[in-house]
């Protein structure tokens, strides 16, 4: 019998990393990390006071409220256009997503690190929504 977190009984020996299935999204708390240098032009150096407040607000409204990954995606995930893009980060192809709220221009770009408890790894802080506008 299949466990609730599995969609199939097949295994792929070459790709044995865990995946972020729907059941996991509903139970794993959203957490963020910085695991490498942020992309030039999308780092902390150019953040002004307003941008820092927006970053703080995002943290308070996600991690501060102990939301699950599914809840954060429902509130902050892009709804128009391409939701995901593939980018090479530190030599590995990653599925990049970005979070933003309503019509505000502040965005955070990153990916889920499946080897680190599905932490959302920030790779860009985009205070003026310059990427994928």
N, C-alpha and C. Protein backbone atom coordinates (compact mmCIF):
# COMPACT_ATOMS: atom_id res chain seq x y z
N UNK A 1 0.84 -1.18 0.00
CA UNK A 1 0.00 0.00 0.00
C UNK A 1 0.89 1.25 0.00
N UNK A 2 0.45 2.29 -0.69
CA UNK A 2 1.22 3.52 -0.78
C UNK A 2 1.02 4.37 0.47
N UNK A 3 2.09 5.03 0.86
CA UNK A 3 1.96 5.96 1.98
C UNK A 3 1.27 7.23 1.48
N UNK A 4 0.67 8.03 2.36
CA UNK A 4 -0.07 9.22 1.91
C UNK A 4 0.81 10.24 1.20
N UNK A 5 2.12 10.27 1.48
CA UNK A 5 3.00 11.27 0.88
C UNK A 5 3.50 10.85 -0.49
N UNK A 6 3.23 9.61 -0.91
CA UNK A 6 3.72 9.13 -2.19
C UNK A 6 2.61 9.09 -3.21
N UNK A 7 2.93 9.48 -4.45
CA UNK A 7 1.96 9.41 -5.52
C UNK A 7 2.07 8.10 -6.29
N UNK A 8 3.18 7.38 -6.12
CA UNK A 8 3.42 6.14 -6.83
C UNK A 8 4.33 5.25 -6.00
N UNK A 9 4.38 3.97 -6.36
CA UNK A 9 5.29 3.08 -5.66
C UNK A 9 6.61 2.93 -6.40
N UNK A 10 6.80 3.67 -7.48
CA UNK A 10 8.04 3.64 -8.24
C UNK A 10 9.13 4.42 -7.53
N UNK A 11 10.36 3.98 -7.73
CA UNK A 11 11.50 4.74 -7.21
C UNK A 11 12.46 4.99 -8.35
N UNK A 12 13.20 6.03 -8.25
CA UNK A 12 14.20 6.38 -9.25
C UNK A 12 15.53 6.45 -8.53
N UNK A 13 16.37 5.46 -8.71
CA UNK A 13 17.63 5.38 -7.98
C UNK A 13 18.54 6.58 -8.24
N UNK A 14 18.50 7.13 -9.47
CA UNK A 14 19.38 8.26 -9.79
C UNK A 14 18.89 9.55 -9.17
N UNK A 15 17.62 9.66 -8.94
CA UNK A 15 17.06 10.88 -8.38
C UNK A 15 16.36 10.55 -7.08
N UNK A 16 17.13 10.32 -6.03
CA UNK A 16 16.55 9.88 -4.77
C UNK A 16 16.28 11.03 -3.80
N UNK A 17 16.37 12.29 -4.29
CA UNK A 17 16.06 13.42 -3.43
C UNK A 17 14.57 13.42 -3.12
N UNK A 18 14.21 13.87 -1.94
CA UNK A 18 12.78 13.97 -1.63
C UNK A 18 12.15 15.05 -2.51
N UNK A 19 10.86 14.96 -2.73
CA UNK A 19 10.19 15.98 -3.53
C UNK A 19 9.18 16.70 -2.67
N UNK A 20 8.81 17.87 -3.12
CA UNK A 20 7.88 18.71 -2.37
C UNK A 20 6.47 18.44 -2.87
N UNK A 21 5.92 17.30 -2.46
CA UNK A 21 4.59 16.91 -2.87
C UNK A 21 3.54 17.75 -2.16
N UNK A 22 2.33 17.68 -2.67
CA UNK A 22 1.23 18.46 -2.09
C UNK A 22 1.07 18.19 -0.60
N UNK A 23 1.17 16.94 -0.18
CA UNK A 23 1.01 16.64 1.24
C UNK A 23 2.11 17.30 2.06
N UNK A 24 3.31 17.39 1.53
CA UNK A 24 4.40 18.06 2.23
C UNK A 24 4.15 19.56 2.31
N UNK A 25 3.69 20.16 1.22
CA UNK A 25 3.43 21.60 1.18
C UNK A 25 2.42 22.02 2.26
N UNK A 26 1.50 21.14 2.55
CA UNK A 26 0.46 21.46 3.53
C UNK A 26 0.93 21.28 4.97
N UNK A 27 2.04 20.60 5.18
CA UNK A 27 2.47 20.32 6.55
C UNK A 27 3.83 20.93 6.92
N UNK A 28 4.66 21.24 5.95
CA UNK A 28 5.99 21.79 6.25
C UNK A 28 5.89 23.30 6.41
N UNK A 29 6.41 23.79 7.53
CA UNK A 29 6.42 25.23 7.76
C UNK A 29 7.38 25.92 6.78
N UNK A 30 6.98 27.09 6.31
CA UNK A 30 7.81 27.88 5.41
C UNK A 30 8.97 28.47 6.19
N UNK A 31 10.17 28.25 5.70
CA UNK A 31 11.39 28.80 6.29
C UNK A 31 12.27 29.31 5.16
N UNK A 32 13.08 30.31 5.44
CA UNK A 32 13.97 30.88 4.42
C UNK A 32 15.41 30.75 4.87
N UNK A 33 16.30 30.74 3.89
CA UNK A 33 17.72 30.74 4.19
C UNK A 33 18.47 31.47 3.07
N UNK A 34 19.68 31.84 3.38
CA UNK A 34 20.61 32.38 2.39
C UNK A 34 21.79 31.43 2.41
N UNK A 35 21.99 30.72 1.31
CA UNK A 35 23.01 29.68 1.27
C UNK A 35 24.18 30.02 0.35
N UNK A 36 24.07 31.14 -0.33
CA UNK A 36 25.14 31.59 -1.23
C UNK A 36 24.96 33.09 -1.45
N UNK A 37 25.92 33.70 -2.09
CA UNK A 37 25.82 35.14 -2.36
C UNK A 37 24.60 35.43 -3.20
N UNK A 38 23.93 36.51 -2.88
CA UNK A 38 22.79 36.92 -3.68
C UNK A 38 23.30 37.51 -5.00
N UNK A 39 22.46 37.45 -6.02
CA UNK A 39 22.85 37.94 -7.34
C UNK A 39 23.12 39.44 -7.28
N UNK A 40 24.18 39.88 -7.97
CA UNK A 40 24.53 41.30 -8.01
C UNK A 40 23.34 42.14 -8.47
N UNK A 41 23.13 43.24 -7.78
CA UNK A 41 22.02 44.12 -8.09
C UNK A 41 20.73 43.72 -7.41
N UNK A 42 20.71 42.53 -6.83
CA UNK A 42 19.51 42.03 -6.14
C UNK A 42 19.89 41.54 -4.75
N UNK A 43 20.72 42.32 -4.07
CA UNK A 43 21.21 41.95 -2.76
C UNK A 43 20.85 43.04 -1.75
N UNK A 44 21.43 42.98 -0.60
CA UNK A 44 21.09 43.93 0.46
C UNK A 44 21.70 45.32 0.25
N UNK A 45 22.73 45.41 -0.57
CA UNK A 45 23.46 46.68 -0.71
C UNK A 45 22.59 47.83 -1.19
N UNK A 46 21.64 47.54 -2.06
CA UNK A 46 20.85 48.61 -2.65
C UNK A 46 19.47 48.78 -2.02
N UNK A 47 19.22 48.08 -0.94
CA UNK A 47 17.92 48.20 -0.29
C UNK A 47 17.83 49.50 0.50
N UNK A 48 16.79 50.25 0.24
CA UNK A 48 16.57 51.47 1.02
C UNK A 48 15.66 51.14 2.21
N UNK A 49 15.33 52.13 2.96
CA UNK A 49 14.53 51.94 4.17
C UNK A 49 13.18 51.29 3.85
N UNK A 50 12.53 51.74 2.81
CA UNK A 50 11.23 51.20 2.42
C UNK A 50 11.34 49.72 2.02
N UNK A 51 12.40 49.38 1.28
CA UNK A 51 12.61 47.99 0.86
C UNK A 51 12.88 47.08 2.05
N UNK A 52 13.65 47.58 3.02
CA UNK A 52 13.91 46.80 4.23
C UNK A 52 12.62 46.55 5.01
N UNK A 53 11.74 47.56 5.04
CA UNK A 53 10.45 47.39 5.72
C UNK A 53 9.61 46.34 4.99
N UNK A 54 9.66 46.34 3.66
CA UNK A 54 8.92 45.33 2.89
C UNK A 54 9.46 43.93 3.15
N UNK A 55 10.78 43.79 3.22
CA UNK A 55 11.39 42.50 3.53
C UNK A 55 10.96 42.05 4.93
N UNK A 56 11.03 42.95 5.88
CA UNK A 56 10.61 42.64 7.24
C UNK A 56 9.14 42.22 7.28
N UNK A 57 8.30 42.91 6.54
CA UNK A 57 6.88 42.59 6.50
C UNK A 57 6.66 41.20 5.91
N UNK A 58 7.40 40.84 4.86
CA UNK A 58 7.28 39.51 4.28
C UNK A 58 7.66 38.45 5.31
N UNK A 59 8.74 38.67 6.02
CA UNK A 59 9.17 37.71 7.05
C UNK A 59 8.11 37.59 8.14
N UNK A 60 7.59 38.71 8.60
CA UNK A 60 6.57 38.69 9.66
C UNK A 60 5.30 37.99 9.21
N UNK A 61 4.93 38.18 7.92
CA UNK A 61 3.69 37.60 7.41
C UNK A 61 3.82 36.16 6.94
N UNK A 62 5.01 35.61 7.00
CA UNK A 62 5.22 34.22 6.59
C UNK A 62 5.78 33.42 7.77
N UNK A 63 7.04 33.61 8.04
CA UNK A 63 7.70 32.89 9.12
C UNK A 63 7.12 33.31 10.48
N UNK A 64 6.87 34.59 10.63
CA UNK A 64 6.34 35.10 11.89
C UNK A 64 4.96 34.56 12.23
N UNK A 65 4.22 34.11 11.23
CA UNK A 65 2.88 33.56 11.47
C UNK A 65 2.86 32.04 11.36
N UNK A 66 4.06 31.43 11.27
CA UNK A 66 4.16 29.97 11.19
C UNK A 66 3.29 29.38 10.08
N UNK A 67 3.33 30.00 8.91
CA UNK A 67 2.56 29.49 7.78
C UNK A 67 3.27 28.30 7.14
N UNK A 68 2.49 27.43 6.54
CA UNK A 68 3.07 26.32 5.79
C UNK A 68 3.47 26.81 4.40
N UNK A 69 4.22 25.98 3.70
CA UNK A 69 4.62 26.33 2.34
C UNK A 69 3.38 26.58 1.47
N UNK A 70 2.40 25.75 1.60
CA UNK A 70 1.16 25.89 0.83
C UNK A 70 0.46 27.22 1.13
N UNK A 71 0.40 27.59 2.39
CA UNK A 71 -0.25 28.85 2.77
C UNK A 71 0.51 30.05 2.22
N UNK A 72 1.84 30.01 2.27
CA UNK A 72 2.65 31.12 1.74
C UNK A 72 2.45 31.22 0.23
N UNK A 73 2.45 30.09 -0.44
CA UNK A 73 2.26 30.12 -1.89
C UNK A 73 0.88 30.66 -2.26
N UNK A 74 -0.13 30.33 -1.48
CA UNK A 74 -1.47 30.82 -1.75
C UNK A 74 -1.53 32.35 -1.60
N UNK A 75 -0.80 32.89 -0.63
CA UNK A 75 -0.83 34.33 -0.36
C UNK A 75 0.12 35.14 -1.25
N UNK A 76 1.28 34.58 -1.59
CA UNK A 76 2.34 35.39 -2.18
C UNK A 76 2.83 34.94 -3.56
N UNK A 77 2.42 33.78 -4.03
CA UNK A 77 2.93 33.28 -5.30
C UNK A 77 2.29 34.02 -6.47
N UNK A 78 3.10 34.29 -7.47
CA UNK A 78 2.65 34.96 -8.68
C UNK A 78 1.47 34.19 -9.29
N UNK A 79 0.47 34.91 -9.79
CA UNK A 79 -0.69 34.25 -10.37
C UNK A 79 -0.81 34.46 -11.87
N UNK A 80 -0.09 35.41 -12.44
CA UNK A 80 -0.15 35.69 -13.87
C UNK A 80 1.19 35.35 -14.50
N UNK A 81 1.14 34.91 -15.74
CA UNK A 81 2.38 34.62 -16.46
C UNK A 81 3.04 33.35 -15.95
N UNK A 82 4.32 33.22 -16.24
CA UNK A 82 5.07 32.04 -15.81
C UNK A 82 5.33 32.10 -14.31
N UNK A 83 4.90 31.07 -13.62
CA UNK A 83 5.09 31.01 -12.18
C UNK A 83 6.52 30.60 -11.85
N UNK A 84 7.09 29.71 -12.66
CA UNK A 84 8.44 29.20 -12.41
C UNK A 84 9.34 29.54 -13.59
N UNK A 85 10.62 29.69 -13.31
CA UNK A 85 11.63 29.80 -14.36
C UNK A 85 12.80 28.92 -13.95
N UNK A 86 13.51 28.40 -14.91
CA UNK A 86 14.68 27.59 -14.62
C UNK A 86 15.92 28.45 -14.78
N UNK A 87 16.75 28.47 -13.75
CA UNK A 87 17.99 29.23 -13.76
C UNK A 87 19.10 28.38 -13.17
N UNK A 88 20.32 28.64 -13.61
CA UNK A 88 21.46 27.94 -13.06
C UNK A 88 22.00 28.78 -11.90
N UNK A 89 22.01 28.19 -10.72
CA UNK A 89 22.50 28.84 -9.50
C UNK A 89 23.64 27.98 -8.98
N UNK A 90 24.82 28.56 -8.88
CA UNK A 90 26.00 27.82 -8.41
C UNK A 90 26.19 26.49 -9.14
N UNK A 91 25.99 26.51 -10.44
CA UNK A 91 26.23 25.33 -11.26
C UNK A 91 25.12 24.31 -11.29
N UNK A 92 24.02 24.55 -10.57
CA UNK A 92 22.89 23.62 -10.55
C UNK A 92 21.64 24.31 -11.11
N UNK A 93 20.92 23.59 -11.97
CA UNK A 93 19.68 24.15 -12.47
C UNK A 93 18.62 24.09 -11.39
N UNK A 94 17.99 25.22 -11.15
CA UNK A 94 16.99 25.33 -10.08
C UNK A 94 15.68 25.84 -10.65
N UNK A 95 14.58 25.44 -10.03
CA UNK A 95 13.26 25.96 -10.38
C UNK A 95 13.02 27.19 -9.50
N UNK A 96 13.14 28.35 -10.11
CA UNK A 96 13.03 29.62 -9.38
C UNK A 96 11.57 30.07 -9.34
N UNK A 97 11.15 30.48 -8.16
CA UNK A 97 9.83 31.08 -7.99
C UNK A 97 10.02 32.43 -7.33
N UNK A 98 9.03 33.28 -7.48
CA UNK A 98 9.14 34.54 -6.74
C UNK A 98 7.83 34.88 -6.07
N UNK A 99 8.02 35.47 -4.90
CA UNK A 99 6.89 35.83 -4.06
C UNK A 99 6.73 37.34 -4.03
N UNK A 100 5.51 37.77 -4.04
CA UNK A 100 5.17 39.19 -3.91
C UNK A 100 3.74 39.28 -3.42
N UNK A 101 3.32 40.45 -3.04
CA UNK A 101 1.98 40.61 -2.48
C UNK A 101 1.20 41.63 -3.31
N UNK A 102 0.05 41.19 -3.81
CA UNK A 102 -0.87 42.06 -4.53
C UNK A 102 -0.14 42.84 -5.63
N UNK A 103 -0.35 44.13 -5.67
CA UNK A 103 0.25 44.97 -6.71
C UNK A 103 1.54 45.65 -6.23
N UNK A 104 2.03 45.27 -5.05
CA UNK A 104 3.28 45.84 -4.54
C UNK A 104 4.43 45.39 -5.42
N UNK A 105 5.43 46.22 -5.59
CA UNK A 105 6.53 45.88 -6.48
C UNK A 105 7.59 45.00 -5.82
N UNK A 106 7.59 44.88 -4.50
CA UNK A 106 8.61 44.11 -3.80
C UNK A 106 8.46 42.62 -4.06
N UNK A 107 9.57 41.97 -4.47
CA UNK A 107 9.57 40.53 -4.76
C UNK A 107 10.80 39.87 -4.15
N UNK A 108 10.64 38.60 -3.79
CA UNK A 108 11.77 37.77 -3.34
C UNK A 108 11.81 36.54 -4.25
N UNK A 109 12.97 36.28 -4.82
CA UNK A 109 13.15 35.16 -5.74
C UNK A 109 13.99 34.09 -5.06
N UNK A 110 13.65 32.83 -5.31
CA UNK A 110 14.43 31.75 -4.74
C UNK A 110 13.91 30.40 -5.16
N UNK A 111 14.37 29.38 -4.48
CA UNK A 111 14.00 28.00 -4.78
C UNK A 111 13.96 27.21 -3.48
N UNK A 112 13.28 26.08 -3.53
CA UNK A 112 13.23 25.20 -2.36
C UNK A 112 14.42 24.25 -2.40
N UNK A 113 15.17 24.22 -1.31
CA UNK A 113 16.30 23.30 -1.19
C UNK A 113 15.79 22.00 -0.60
N UNK A 114 15.65 21.01 -1.45
CA UNK A 114 15.10 19.73 -1.02
C UNK A 114 16.04 18.97 -0.09
N UNK A 115 17.30 19.35 -0.07
CA UNK A 115 18.26 18.67 0.81
C UNK A 115 18.37 19.35 2.18
N UNK A 116 17.69 20.47 2.34
CA UNK A 116 17.76 21.22 3.59
C UNK A 116 16.35 21.52 4.10
N UNK A 117 15.56 20.47 4.32
CA UNK A 117 14.22 20.61 4.89
C UNK A 117 13.30 21.55 4.10
N UNK A 118 13.54 21.65 2.80
CA UNK A 118 12.72 22.47 1.91
C UNK A 118 12.71 23.94 2.27
N UNK A 119 13.81 24.42 2.83
CA UNK A 119 13.94 25.85 3.07
C UNK A 119 13.87 26.58 1.74
N UNK A 120 13.24 27.75 1.72
CA UNK A 120 13.22 28.60 0.55
C UNK A 120 14.53 29.38 0.55
N UNK A 121 15.38 29.11 -0.42
CA UNK A 121 16.69 29.74 -0.50
C UNK A 121 16.57 31.01 -1.33
N UNK A 122 16.83 32.14 -0.71
CA UNK A 122 16.75 33.43 -1.40
C UNK A 122 17.94 33.57 -2.34
N UNK A 123 17.67 33.93 -3.60
CA UNK A 123 18.77 34.22 -4.51
C UNK A 123 18.71 35.65 -5.04
N UNK A 124 17.54 36.30 -4.95
CA UNK A 124 17.40 37.70 -5.37
C UNK A 124 16.39 38.40 -4.48
N UNK A 125 16.70 39.62 -4.11
CA UNK A 125 15.74 40.50 -3.47
C UNK A 125 15.47 41.59 -4.50
N UNK A 126 14.25 41.68 -4.95
CA UNK A 126 13.87 42.56 -6.07
C UNK A 126 12.87 43.59 -5.56
N UNK A 127 13.38 44.69 -4.97
CA UNK A 127 12.45 45.65 -4.35
C UNK A 127 11.57 46.42 -5.32
N UNK A 128 11.97 46.48 -6.59
CA UNK A 128 11.21 47.27 -7.57
C UNK A 128 10.63 46.43 -8.70
N UNK A 129 10.56 45.13 -8.51
CA UNK A 129 10.00 44.20 -9.48
C UNK A 129 10.59 44.41 -10.88
N UNK A 130 11.92 44.38 -10.95
CA UNK A 130 12.61 44.52 -12.22
C UNK A 130 12.68 43.21 -12.99
N UNK A 131 12.62 42.07 -12.28
CA UNK A 131 12.70 40.76 -12.91
C UNK A 131 11.29 40.28 -13.25
N UNK A 132 11.09 39.77 -14.47
CA UNK A 132 9.81 39.21 -14.92
C UNK A 132 8.67 40.20 -14.85
N UNK A 133 8.94 41.45 -15.09
CA UNK A 133 7.88 42.46 -15.04
C UNK A 133 7.07 42.43 -16.30
